[in-house]
Amino acid sequence: MIKEIARLHGLSVSEVREQIQGKIIDVMNSDDPEQQAEFKRLFGNSTPTPEEFICVTSRQLKF
């Protein structure tokens, strides 16, 4: 998935990974208690890799 995102946006895989990791850190450090609680529910006290984040959060999608 990361390779496809990179291709679609004309970025390198490492650039996409860095951007996703930055967003993960943003959510972890959020001032929103609901966002923090949801993150902790999904990942505990660990910092997921971009791949882990995509896998776990995609399972939470409801169609």
C-alpha atoms as a PDB file:
ATOM      1  CA  MET A   1       0.000   0.000   0.000  1.00  0.00           C
ATOM      2  CA  ILE A   2       2.810   2.404   0.831  1.00  0.00           C
ATOM      3  CA  LYS A   3       4.441   1.737  -2.536  1.00  0.00           C
ATOM      4  CA  GLU A   4       1.169   2.470  -4.315  1.00  0.00           C
ATOM      5  CA  ILE A   5       0.642   5.724  -2.381  1.00  0.00           C
ATOM      6  CA  ALA A   6       4.191   6.757  -3.250  1.00  0.00           C
ATOM      7  CA  ARG A   7       3.637   5.981  -6.933  1.00  0.00           C
ATOM      8  CA  LEU A   8       0.317   7.824  -7.074  1.00  0.00           C
ATOM      9  CA  HIS A   9       1.758  10.945  -5.460  1.00  0.00           C
ATOM     10  CA  GLY A  10       5.177  10.925  -7.110  1.00  0.00           C
ATOM     11  CA  LEU A  11       6.997  10.385  -3.815  1.00  0.00           C
ATOM     12  CA  SER A  12       9.570   7.900  -2.627  1.00  0.00           C
ATOM     13  CA  VAL A  13       8.525   5.085  -0.312  1.00  0.00           C
ATOM     14  CA  SER A  14      10.694   6.579   2.426  1.00  0.00           C
ATOM     15  CA  GLU A  15       8.946   9.956   2.055  1.00  0.00           C
ATOM     16  CA  VAL A  16       5.538   8.321   2.456  1.00  0.00           C
ATOM     17  CA  ARG A  17       6.733   6.313   5.469  1.00  0.00           C
ATOM     18  CA  GLU A  18       8.124   9.506   7.068  1.00  0.00           C
ATOM     19  CA  GLN A  19       4.844  11.354   6.502  1.00  0.00           C
ATOM     20  CA  ILE A  20       2.784   8.537   7.992  1.00  0.00           C
ATOM     21  CA  GLN A  21       5.161   8.240  10.964  1.00  0.00           C
ATOM     22  CA  GLY A  22       4.821  11.991  11.531  1.00  0.00           C
ATOM     23  CA  LYS A  23       1.027  11.682  11.627  1.00  0.00           C
ATOM     24  CA  ILE A  24       1.306   8.771  14.068  1.00  0.00           C
ATOM     25  CA  ILE A  25       3.398  10.962  16.386  1.00  0.00           C
ATOM     26  CA  ASP A  26       0.868  13.798  15.994  1.00  0.00           C
ATOM     27  CA  VAL A  27      -1.961  11.512  17.109  1.00  0.00           C
ATOM     28  CA  MET A  28       0.084  10.116  19.991  1.00  0.00           C
ATOM     29  CA  ASN A  29       0.756  13.654  21.225  1.00  0.00           C
ATOM     30  CA  SER A  30      -2.757  14.947  20.593  1.00  0.00           C
ATOM     31  CA  ASP A  31      -4.452  17.121  23.203  1.00  0.00           C
ATOM     32  CA  ASP A  32      -7.758  15.417  22.345  1.00  0.00           C
ATOM     33  CA  PRO A  33      -8.457  12.856  25.100  1.00  0.00           C
ATOM     34  CA  GLU A  34     -10.752  10.825  22.824  1.00  0.00           C
ATOM     35  CA  GLN A  35      -8.033  10.554  20.180  1.00  0.00           C
ATOM     36  CA  GLN A  36      -5.478   9.526  22.797  1.00  0.00           C
ATOM     37  CA  ALA A  37      -7.841   6.917  24.280  1.00  0.00           C
ATOM     38  CA  GLU A  38      -8.558   5.404  20.860  1.00  0.00           C
ATOM     39  CA  PHE A  39      -4.865   5.279  20.008  1.00  0.00           C
ATOM     40  CA  LYS A  40      -4.070   3.611  23.340  1.00  0.00           C
ATOM     41  CA  ARG A  41      -6.897   1.106  22.791  1.00  0.00           C
ATOM     42  CA  LEU A  42      -5.462   0.142  19.412  1.00  0.00           C
ATOM     43  CA  PHE A  43      -1.733   0.264  20.145  1.00  0.00           C
ATOM     44  CA  GLY A  44      -1.252   0.350  23.921  1.00  0.00           C
ATOM     45  CA  ASN A  45       1.906   2.228  24.852  1.00  0.00           C
ATOM     46  CA  SER A  46       3.815   1.268  21.719  1.00  0.00           C
ATOM     47  CA  THR A  47       4.555   3.347  18.668  1.00  0.00           C
ATOM     48  CA  PRO A  48       3.428   1.429  15.583  1.00  0.00           C
ATOM     49  CA  THR A  49       5.321   1.377  12.327  1.00  0.00           C
ATOM     50  CA  PRO A  50       3.465   2.878   9.366  1.00  0.00           C
ATOM     51  CA  GLU A  51       2.672  -0.655   8.169  1.00  0.00           C
ATOM     52  CA  GLU A  52       1.293  -1.678  11.584  1.00  0.00           C
ATOM     53  CA  PHE A  53      -0.742   1.521  11.756  1.00  0.00           C
ATOM     54  CA  ILE A  54      -2.289   0.894   8.336  1.00  0.00           C
ATOM     55  CA  CYS A  55      -3.092  -2.756   9.134  1.00  0.00           C
ATOM     56  CA  VAL A  56      -4.665  -2.072  12.517  1.00  0.00           C
ATOM     57  CA  THR A  57      -6.627   1.015  11.542  1.00  0.00           C
ATOM     58  CA  SER A  58      -7.889  -0.504   8.287  1.00  0.00           C
ATOM     59  CA  ARG A  59      -9.444  -3.344  10.291  1.00  0.00           C
ATOM     60  CA  GLN A  60     -11.422  -0.731  12.222  1.00  0.00           C
ATOM     61  CA  LEU A  61     -13.166   0.630   9.108  1.00  0.00           C
ATOM     62  CA  LYS A  62     -16.868  -0.064   8.903  1.00  0.00           C
ATOM     63  CA  PHE A  63     -18.530  -0.216   5.520  1.00  0.00           C
END
